[in-house]
PDB file of N, CA and C in Angstrom:
ATOM      1  N   MET A   1     -24.130   9.653  31.812  1.00  0.00           N
ATOM      2  CA  MET A   1     -23.459   8.482  31.351  1.00  0.00           C
ATOM      3  C   MET A   1     -22.470   9.054  30.270  1.00  0.00           C
ATOM      4  N   LEU A   2     -21.116   8.578  30.365  1.00  0.00           N
ATOM      5  CA  LEU A   2     -20.164   9.006  29.454  1.00  0.00           C
ATOM      6  C   LEU A   2     -19.966   7.916  28.418  1.00  0.00           C
ATOM      7  N   ILE A   3     -19.884   8.280  27.151  1.00  0.00           N
ATOM      8  CA  ILE A   3     -19.572   7.323  26.141  1.00  0.00           C
ATOM      9  C   ILE A   3     -18.290   7.697  25.586  1.00  0.00           C
ATOM     10  N   PHE A   4     -17.339   6.714  25.512  1.00  0.00           N
ATOM     11  CA  PHE A   4     -16.092   7.153  24.843  1.00  0.00           C
ATOM     12  C   PHE A   4     -15.873   6.275  23.618  1.00  0.00           C
ATOM     13  N   PRO A   5     -15.759   6.999  22.522  1.00  0.00           N
ATOM     14  CA  PRO A   5     -15.558   6.197  21.213  1.00  0.00           C
ATOM     15  C   PRO A   5     -14.272   5.376  21.213  1.00  0.00           C
ATOM     16  N   SER A   6     -14.358   4.238  20.862  1.00  0.00           N
ATOM     17  CA  SER A   6     -13.088   3.360  20.802  1.00  0.00           C
ATOM     18  C   SER A   6     -12.892   2.912  19.470  1.00  0.00           C
ATOM     19  N   ILE A   7     -11.708   2.962  19.128  1.00  0.00           N
ATOM     20  CA  ILE A   7     -11.324   2.439  17.811  1.00  0.00           C
ATOM     21  C   ILE A   7     -10.397   1.170  17.941  1.00  0.00           C
ATOM     22  N   ILE A   8     -10.754   0.203  17.271  1.00  0.00           N
ATOM     23  CA  ILE A   8     -10.022  -1.099  17.483  1.00  0.00           C
ATOM     24  C   ILE A   8      -9.251  -1.315  16.121  1.00  0.00           C
ATOM     25  N   TYR A   9      -8.045  -1.484  16.159  1.00  0.00           N
ATOM     26  CA  TYR A   9      -7.226  -1.846  14.976  1.00  0.00           C
ATOM     27  C   TYR A   9      -6.804  -3.293  15.032  1.00  0.00           C
ATOM     28  N   SER A  10      -6.977  -3.980  13.965  1.00  0.00           N
ATOM     29  CA  SER A  10      -6.480  -5.390  13.964  1.00  0.00           C
ATOM     30  C   SER A  10      -5.056  -5.482  13.845  1.00  0.00           C
ATOM     31  N   GLN A  11      -4.603  -4.403  13.135  1.00  0.00           N
ATOM     32  CA  GLN A  11      -3.078  -4.291  12.853  1.00  0.00           C
ATOM     33  C   GLN A  11      -2.678  -2.805  12.606  1.00  0.00           C
ATOM     34  N   ASN A  12      -1.466  -2.518  12.807  1.00  0.00           N
ATOM     35  CA  ASN A  12      -1.030  -1.174  12.410  1.00  0.00           C
ATOM     36  C   ASN A  12      -0.895  -0.977  10.936  1.00  0.00           C
ATOM     37  N   VAL A  13      -1.378   0.099  10.506  1.00  0.00           N
ATOM     38  CA  VAL A  13      -1.336   0.385   9.022  1.00  0.00           C
ATOM     39  C   VAL A  13       0.147   1.002   8.817  1.00  0.00           C
ATOM     40  N   PRO A  14       0.848   0.562   7.790  1.00  0.00           N
ATOM     41  CA  PRO A  14       2.211   0.950   7.537  1.00  0.00           C
ATOM     42  C   PRO A  14       2.233   2.460   7.140  1.00  0.00           C
ATOM     43  N   GLU A  15       3.264   3.119   7.595  1.00  0.00           N
ATOM     44  CA  GLU A  15       3.370   4.521   7.297  1.00  0.00           C
ATOM     45  C   GLU A  15       3.354   4.875   5.834  1.00  0.00           C
ATOM     46  N   ILE A  16       3.825   3.972   4.956  1.00  0.00           N
ATOM     47  CA  ILE A  16       3.806   4.256   3.575  1.00  0.00           C
ATOM     48  C   ILE A  16       2.351   4.392   3.078  1.00  0.00           C
ATOM     49  N   ILE A  17       1.399   3.845   3.648  1.00  0.00           N
ATOM     50  CA  ILE A  17       0.021   3.895   3.290  1.00  0.00           C
ATOM     51  C   ILE A  17      -0.643   5.076   4.125  1.00  0.00           C
ATOM     52  N   ALA A  18      -0.455   5.083   5.395  1.00  0.00           N
ATOM     53  CA  ALA A  18      -1.163   6.011   6.407  1.00  0.00           C
ATOM     54  C   ALA A  18      -0.695   7.376   6.133  1.00  0.00           C
ATOM     55  N   ASN A  19       0.587   7.660   5.966  1.00  0.00           N
ATOM     56  CA  ASN A  19       1.119   8.962   5.912  1.00  0.00           C
ATOM     57  C   ASN A  19       1.245   9.374   4.412  1.00  0.00           C
ATOM     58  N   LYS A  20       0.358  10.383   4.007  1.00  0.00           N
ATOM     59  CA  LYS A  20       0.344  10.734   2.550  1.00  0.00           C
ATOM     60  C   LYS A  20       1.645  11.344   2.067  1.00  0.00           C
ATOM     61  N   LYS A  21       2.504  12.062   2.816  1.00  0.00           N
ATOM     62  CA  LYS A  21       3.780  12.564   2.523  1.00  0.00           C
ATOM     63  C   LYS A  21       4.697  11.362   2.133  1.00  0.00           C
ATOM     64  N   VAL A  22       4.749  10.451   3.038  1.00  0.00           N
ATOM     65  CA  VAL A  22       5.645   9.242   2.821  1.00  0.00           C
ATOM     66  C   VAL A  22       5.101   8.539   1.569  1.00  0.00           C
ATOM     67  N   ALA A  23       3.751   8.438   1.389  1.00  0.00           N
ATOM     68  CA  ALA A  23       3.186   7.726   0.221  1.00  0.00           C
ATOM     69  C   ALA A  23       3.669   8.401  -1.099  1.00  0.00           C
ATOM     70  N   GLU A  24       3.698   9.633  -1.012  1.00  0.00           N
ATOM     71  CA  GLU A  24       3.914  10.428  -2.245  1.00  0.00           C
ATOM     72  C   GLU A  24       5.430  10.243  -2.648  1.00  0.00           C
ATOM     73  N   GLN A  25       6.282  10.037  -1.745  1.00  0.00           N
ATOM     74  CA  GLN A  25       7.756   9.897  -1.969  1.00  0.00           C
ATOM     75  C   GLN A  25       8.112   8.444  -2.254  1.00  0.00           C
ATOM     76  N   ASN A  26       7.296   7.613  -2.054  1.00  0.00           N
ATOM     77  CA  ASN A  26       7.587   5.982  -2.191  1.00  0.00           C
ATOM     78  C   ASN A  26       6.533   5.376  -3.027  1.00  0.00           C
ATOM     79  N   TYR A  27       6.984   4.726  -4.100  1.00  0.00           N
ATOM     80  CA  TYR A  27       6.015   3.993  -4.875  1.00  0.00           C
ATOM     81  C   TYR A  27       5.797   2.624  -4.232  1.00  0.00           C
ATOM     82  N   LEU A  28       4.539   2.311  -4.073  1.00  0.00           N
ATOM     83  CA  LEU A  28       4.141   1.018  -3.522  1.00  0.00           C
ATOM     84  C   LEU A  28       3.347   0.200  -4.549  1.00  0.00           C
ATOM     85  N   PRO A  29       4.212  -0.804  -5.113  1.00  0.00           N
ATOM     86  CA  PRO A  29       3.593  -1.554  -6.198  1.00  0.00           C
ATOM     87  C   PRO A  29       2.386  -2.248  -5.710  1.00  0.00           C
ATOM     88  N   ASP A  30       1.405  -2.535  -6.700  1.00  0.00           N
ATOM     89  CA  ASP A  30       0.104  -3.276  -6.490  1.00  0.00           C
ATOM     90  C   ASP A  30       0.382  -4.688  -6.841  1.00  0.00           C
ATOM     91  N   PHE A  31       0.520  -5.677  -5.917  1.00  0.00           N
ATOM     92  CA  PHE A  31       0.762  -7.020  -6.203  1.00  0.00           C
ATOM     93  C   PHE A  31      -0.519  -7.862  -6.094  1.00  0.00           C
ATOM     94  N   SER A  32      -1.711  -7.168  -6.018  1.00  0.00           N
ATOM     95  CA  SER A  32      -2.934  -7.849  -5.896  1.00  0.00           C
ATOM     96  C   SER A  32      -3.270  -8.894  -6.964  1.00  0.00           C
ATOM     97  N   CYS A  33      -2.704  -8.674  -8.098  1.00  0.00           N
ATOM     98  CA  CYS A  33      -2.974  -9.525  -9.301  1.00  0.00           C
ATOM     99  C   CYS A  33      -1.854 -10.431  -9.661  1.00  0.00           C
ATOM    100  N   ALA A  34      -0.905 -10.508  -8.743  1.00  0.00           N
ATOM    101  CA  ALA A  34       0.399 -11.303  -8.959  1.00  0.00           C
ATOM    102  C   ALA A  34      -0.003 -12.846  -8.824  1.00  0.00           C
ATOM    103  N   GLY A  35       0.722 -13.677  -9.516  1.00  0.00           N
ATOM    104  CA  GLY A  35       0.650 -15.072  -9.399  1.00  0.00           C
ATOM    105  C   GLY A  35       0.121 -15.747 -10.692  1.00  0.00           C
ATOM    106  N   HIS A  36       0.010 -16.991 -10.640  1.00  0.00           N
ATOM    107  CA  HIS A  36      -0.447 -17.776 -11.787  1.00  0.00           C
ATOM    108  C   HIS A  36      -1.842 -17.472 -12.131  1.00  0.00           C
ATOM    109  N   HIS A  37      -2.145 -16.749 -13.266  1.00  0.00           N
ATOM    110  CA  HIS A  37      -3.460 -16.416 -13.796  1.00  0.00           C
ATOM    111  C   HIS A  37      -4.155 -15.506 -12.594  1.00  0.00           C
ATOM    112  N   PHE A  38      -3.344 -14.520 -12.169  1.00  0.00           N
ATOM    113  CA  PHE A  38      -3.768 -13.550 -11.171  1.00  0.00           C
ATOM    114  C   PHE A  38      -4.312 -14.264  -9.817  1.00  0.00           C
ATOM    115  N   GLY A  39      -3.833 -15.498  -9.594  1.00  0.00           N
ATOM    116  CA  GLY A  39      -4.171 -16.179  -8.384  1.00  0.00           C
ATOM    117  C   GLY A  39      -5.593 -16.721  -8.444  1.00  0.00           C
ATOM    118  N   GLU A  40      -6.262 -16.732  -9.551  1.00  0.00           N
ATOM    119  CA  GLU A  40      -7.571 -17.156  -9.697  1.00  0.00           C
ATOM    120  C   GLU A  40      -7.762 -18.584 -10.147  1.00  0.00           C
ATOM    121  N   THR A  41      -6.588 -19.341 -10.529  1.00  0.00           N
ATOM    122  CA  THR A  41      -6.652 -20.674 -10.956  1.00  0.00           C
ATOM    123  C   THR A  41      -5.637 -21.487 -10.129  1.00  0.00           C
ATOM    124  N   ILE A  42      -5.841 -22.644 -10.013  1.00  0.00           N
ATOM    125  CA  ILE A  42      -4.951 -23.690  -9.336  1.00  0.00           C
ATOM    126  C   ILE A  42      -3.674 -23.894 -10.108  1.00  0.00           C
ATOM    127  N   ILE A  43      -2.528 -23.840  -9.515  1.00  0.00           N
ATOM    128  CA  ILE A  43      -1.327 -24.125 -10.190  1.00  0.00           C
ATOM    129  C   ILE A  43      -1.309 -25.541 -10.682  1.00  0.00           C
ATOM    130  N   PRO A  44      -1.087 -25.779 -12.019  1.00  0.00           N
ATOM    131  CA  PRO A  44      -1.257 -27.083 -12.511  1.00  0.00           C
ATOM    132  C   PRO A  44      -0.005 -27.930 -12.148  1.00  0.00           C
ATOM    133  N   ASN A  45      -0.242 -29.318 -12.086  1.00  0.00           N
ATOM    134  CA  ASN A  45       0.802 -30.217 -11.810  1.00  0.00           C
ATOM    135  C   ASN A  45       1.586 -30.387 -13.053  1.00  0.00           C
ATOM    136  N   ILE A  46       2.976 -30.338 -12.927  1.00  0.00           N
ATOM    137  CA  ILE A  46       3.815 -30.570 -14.088  1.00  0.00           C
ATOM    138  C   ILE A  46       4.153 -32.093 -14.388  1.00  0.00           C
ATOM    139  N   THR A  47       3.674 -32.386 -15.605  1.00  0.00           N
ATOM    140  CA  THR A  47       3.836 -33.842 -15.868  1.00  0.00           C
ATOM    141  C   THR A  47       4.944 -34.116 -16.969  1.00  0.00           C
ATOM    142  N   LYS A  48       5.468 -32.962 -17.497  1.00  0.00           N
ATOM    143  CA  LYS A  48       6.534 -33.034 -18.496  1.00  0.00           C
ATOM    144  C   LYS A  48       7.913 -33.021 -17.851  1.00  0.00           C
ATOM    145  N   LYS A  49       8.898 -33.449 -18.565  1.00  0.00           N
ATOM    146  CA  LYS A  49      10.219 -33.318 -18.090  1.00  0.00           C
ATOM    147  C   LYS A  49      10.772 -31.989 -17.923  1.00  0.00           C
ATOM    148  N   ILE A  50      11.312 -31.733 -16.580  1.00  0.00           N
ATOM    149  CA  ILE A  50      11.862 -30.367 -16.379  1.00  0.00           C
ATOM    150  C   ILE A  50      13.257 -30.421 -16.911  1.00  0.00           C
ATOM    151  N   VAL A  51      13.687 -29.335 -17.646  1.00  0.00           N
ATOM    152  CA  VAL A  51      15.069 -29.265 -18.249  1.00  0.00           C
ATOM    153  C   VAL A  51      15.754 -28.099 -17.532  1.00  0.00           C
ATOM    154  N   LEU A  52      16.856 -28.408 -16.920  1.00  0.00           N
ATOM    155  CA  LEU A  52      17.691 -27.400 -16.221  1.00  0.00           C
ATOM    156  C   LEU A  52      18.798 -26.901 -17.245  1.00  0.00           C
ATOM    157  N   ALA A  53      18.590 -25.587 -17.487  1.00  0.00           N
ATOM    158  CA  ALA A  53      19.576 -24.949 -18.441  1.00  0.00           C
ATOM    159  C   ALA A  53      21.108 -25.169 -17.957  1.00  0.00           C
ATOM    160  N   THR A  54      21.135 -25.112 -16.659  1.00  0.00           N
ATOM    161  CA  THR A  54      22.591 -25.253 -16.080  1.00  0.00           C
ATOM    162  C   THR A  54      23.197 -26.550 -16.390  1.00  0.00           C
ATOM    163  N   ASP A  55      22.365 -27.630 -16.624  1.00  0.00           N
ATOM    164  CA  ASP A  55      22.921 -28.869 -17.020  1.00  0.00           C
ATOM    165  C   ASP A  55      23.536 -28.879 -18.411  1.00  0.00           C
ATOM    166  N   HIS A  56      23.219 -27.901 -19.213  1.00  0.00           N
ATOM    167  CA  HIS A  56      23.720 -27.756 -20.534  1.00  0.00           C
ATOM    168  C   HIS A  56      24.685 -26.655 -20.855  1.00  0.00           C
ATOM    169  N   GLY A  57      25.296 -26.111 -19.781  1.00  0.00           N
ATOM    170  CA  GLY A  57      26.344 -25.132 -19.947  1.00  0.00           C
ATOM    171  C   GLY A  57      25.944 -23.762 -19.652  1.00  0.00           C
ATOM    172  N   VAL A  58      24.655 -23.539 -19.306  1.00  0.00           N
ATOM    173  CA  VAL A  58      24.285 -22.032 -18.913  1.00  0.00           C
ATOM    174  C   VAL A  58      24.917 -21.758 -17.501  1.00  0.00           C
ATOM    175  N   VAL A  59      25.589 -20.705 -17.435  1.00  0.00           N
ATOM    176  CA  VAL A  59      26.162 -20.208 -16.167  1.00  0.00           C
ATOM    177  C   VAL A  59      25.467 -18.819 -15.861  1.00  0.00           C
ATOM    178  N   PRO A  60      24.655 -18.752 -14.894  1.00  0.00           N
ATOM    179  CA  PRO A  60      24.022 -17.514 -14.653  1.00  0.00           C
ATOM    180  C   PRO A  60      24.950 -16.421 -14.045  1.00  0.00           C
ATOM    181  N   ASN A  61      24.708 -15.146 -14.486  1.00  0.00           N
ATOM    182  CA  ASN A  61      25.392 -14.052 -13.870  1.00  0.00           C
ATOM    183  C   ASN A  61      26.956 -14.029 -14.144  1.00  0.00           C
ATOM    184  N   ASP A  62      27.278 -14.660 -15.256  1.00  0.00           N
ATOM    185  CA  ASP A  62      28.755 -14.615 -15.601  1.00  0.00           C
ATOM    186  C   ASP A  62      29.162 -13.648 -16.594  1.00  0.00           C
ATOM    187  N   GLY A  63      28.173 -12.897 -17.035  1.00  0.00           N
ATOM    188  CA  GLY A  63      28.461 -11.788 -18.014  1.00  0.00           C
ATOM    189  C   GLY A  63      28.693 -12.330 -19.432  1.00  0.00           C
ATOM    190  N   LEU A  64      28.471 -13.526 -19.652  1.00  0.00           N
ATOM    191  CA  LEU A  64      28.667 -14.180 -21.002  1.00  0.00           C
ATOM    192  C   LEU A  64      27.337 -14.389 -21.595  1.00  0.00           C
ATOM    193  N   ASP A  65      27.280 -14.540 -22.952  1.00  0.00           N
ATOM    194  CA  ASP A  65      26.132 -14.855 -23.777  1.00  0.00           C
ATOM    195  C   ASP A  65      25.827 -16.392 -23.619  1.00  0.00           C
ATOM    196  N   ASP A  66      24.581 -16.688 -23.163  1.00  0.00           N
ATOM    197  CA  ASP A  66      24.223 -18.098 -22.799  1.00  0.00           C
ATOM    198  C   ASP A  66      23.244 -18.564 -23.903  1.00  0.00           C
ATOM    199  N   SER A  67      23.002 -17.891 -25.039  1.00  0.00           N
ATOM    200  CA  SER A  67      22.058 -18.312 -25.990  1.00  0.00           C
ATOM    201  C   SER A  67      22.368 -19.676 -26.636  1.00  0.00           C
ATOM    202  N   LYS A  68      23.510 -19.991 -26.866  1.00  0.00           N
ATOM    203  CA  LYS A  68      23.868 -21.209 -27.666  1.00  0.00           C
ATOM    204  C   LYS A  68      23.507 -22.451 -26.595  1.00  0.00           C
ATOM    205  N   ALA A  69      23.881 -22.188 -25.239  1.00  0.00           N
ATOM    206  CA  ALA A  69      23.628 -23.152 -24.318  1.00  0.00           C
ATOM    207  C   ALA A  69      22.235 -23.319 -24.058  1.00  0.00           C
ATOM    208  N   LEU A  70      21.390 -22.271 -24.086  1.00  0.00           N
ATOM    209  CA  LEU A  70      19.948 -22.367 -24.029  1.00  0.00           C
ATOM    210  C   LEU A  70      19.370 -23.027 -25.072  1.00  0.00           C
ATOM    211  N   LYS A  71      19.727 -22.850 -26.239  1.00  0.00           N
ATOM    212  CA  LYS A  71      19.245 -23.635 -27.476  1.00  0.00           C
ATOM    213  C   LYS A  71      19.547 -25.034 -27.348  1.00  0.00           C
ATOM    214  N   LYS A  72      20.767 -25.401 -26.864  1.00  0.00           N
ATOM    215  CA  LYS A  72      21.202 -26.747 -26.551  1.00  0.00           C
ATOM    216  C   LYS A  72      20.239 -27.412 -25.596  1.00  0.00           C
ATOM    217  N   SER A  73      19.847 -26.709 -24.493  1.00  0.00           N
ATOM    218  CA  SER A  73      19.021 -27.249 -23.454  1.00  0.00           C
ATOM    219  C   SER A  73      17.583 -27.554 -23.970  1.00  0.00           C
ATOM    220  N   HIS A  74      17.138 -26.806 -25.073  1.00  0.00           N
ATOM    221  CA  HIS A  74      15.793 -26.916 -25.574  1.00  0.00           C
ATOM    222  C   HIS A  74      15.716 -28.195 -26.568  1.00  0.00           C
ATOM    223  N   LYS A  75      16.849 -28.389 -27.168  1.00  0.00           N
ATOM    224  CA  LYS A  75      16.851 -29.382 -28.280  1.00  0.00           C
ATOM    225  C   LYS A  75      16.452 -30.829 -27.583  1.00  0.00           C
ATOM    226  N   GLY A  76      15.490 -31.453 -28.213  1.00  0.00           N
ATOM    227  CA  GLY A  76      15.123 -32.828 -27.646  1.00  0.00           C
ATOM    228  C   GLY A  76      14.059 -32.680 -26.553  1.00  0.00           C
ATOM    229  N   SER A  77      13.722 -31.497 -26.225  1.00  0.00           N
ATOM    230  CA  SER A  77      12.561 -31.308 -25.242  1.00  0.00           C
ATOM    231  C   SER A  77      11.345 -30.881 -25.848  1.00  0.00           C
ATOM    232  N   GLU A  78      10.178 -30.822 -25.339  1.00  0.00           N
ATOM    233  CA  GLU A  78       8.983 -30.256 -25.877  1.00  0.00           C
ATOM    234  C   GLU A  78       8.930 -28.804 -25.973  1.00  0.00           C
ATOM    235  N   CYS A  79       9.928 -28.116 -25.376  1.00  0.00           N
ATOM    236  CA  CYS A  79       9.913 -26.634 -25.442  1.00  0.00           C
ATOM    237  C   CYS A  79      10.373 -26.128 -26.746  1.00  0.00           C
ATOM    238  N   TYR A  80      11.047 -26.843 -27.597  1.00  0.00           N
ATOM    239  CA  TYR A  80      11.618 -26.367 -28.791  1.00  0.00           C
ATOM    240  C   TYR A  80      11.036 -26.861 -29.963  1.00  0.00           C
TER     241      TYR A  80
END
């Protein structure tokens, strides 16, 4: 009787993990603890007013200082 060992893979392992040479040349960040409270708690429901900074003059990625517009957006809210 012949017995052939069989290996069953549920998925292919990415080369960045399987190949040590590739792994040494590429940094693979560990996102296992990413998320709200490390993914261990439920995301809470927001019951407060949401303030959009863009409604108060903030223009993203325009190369200009938005600190005054950000302060303006926080005035009158519970954030400030």
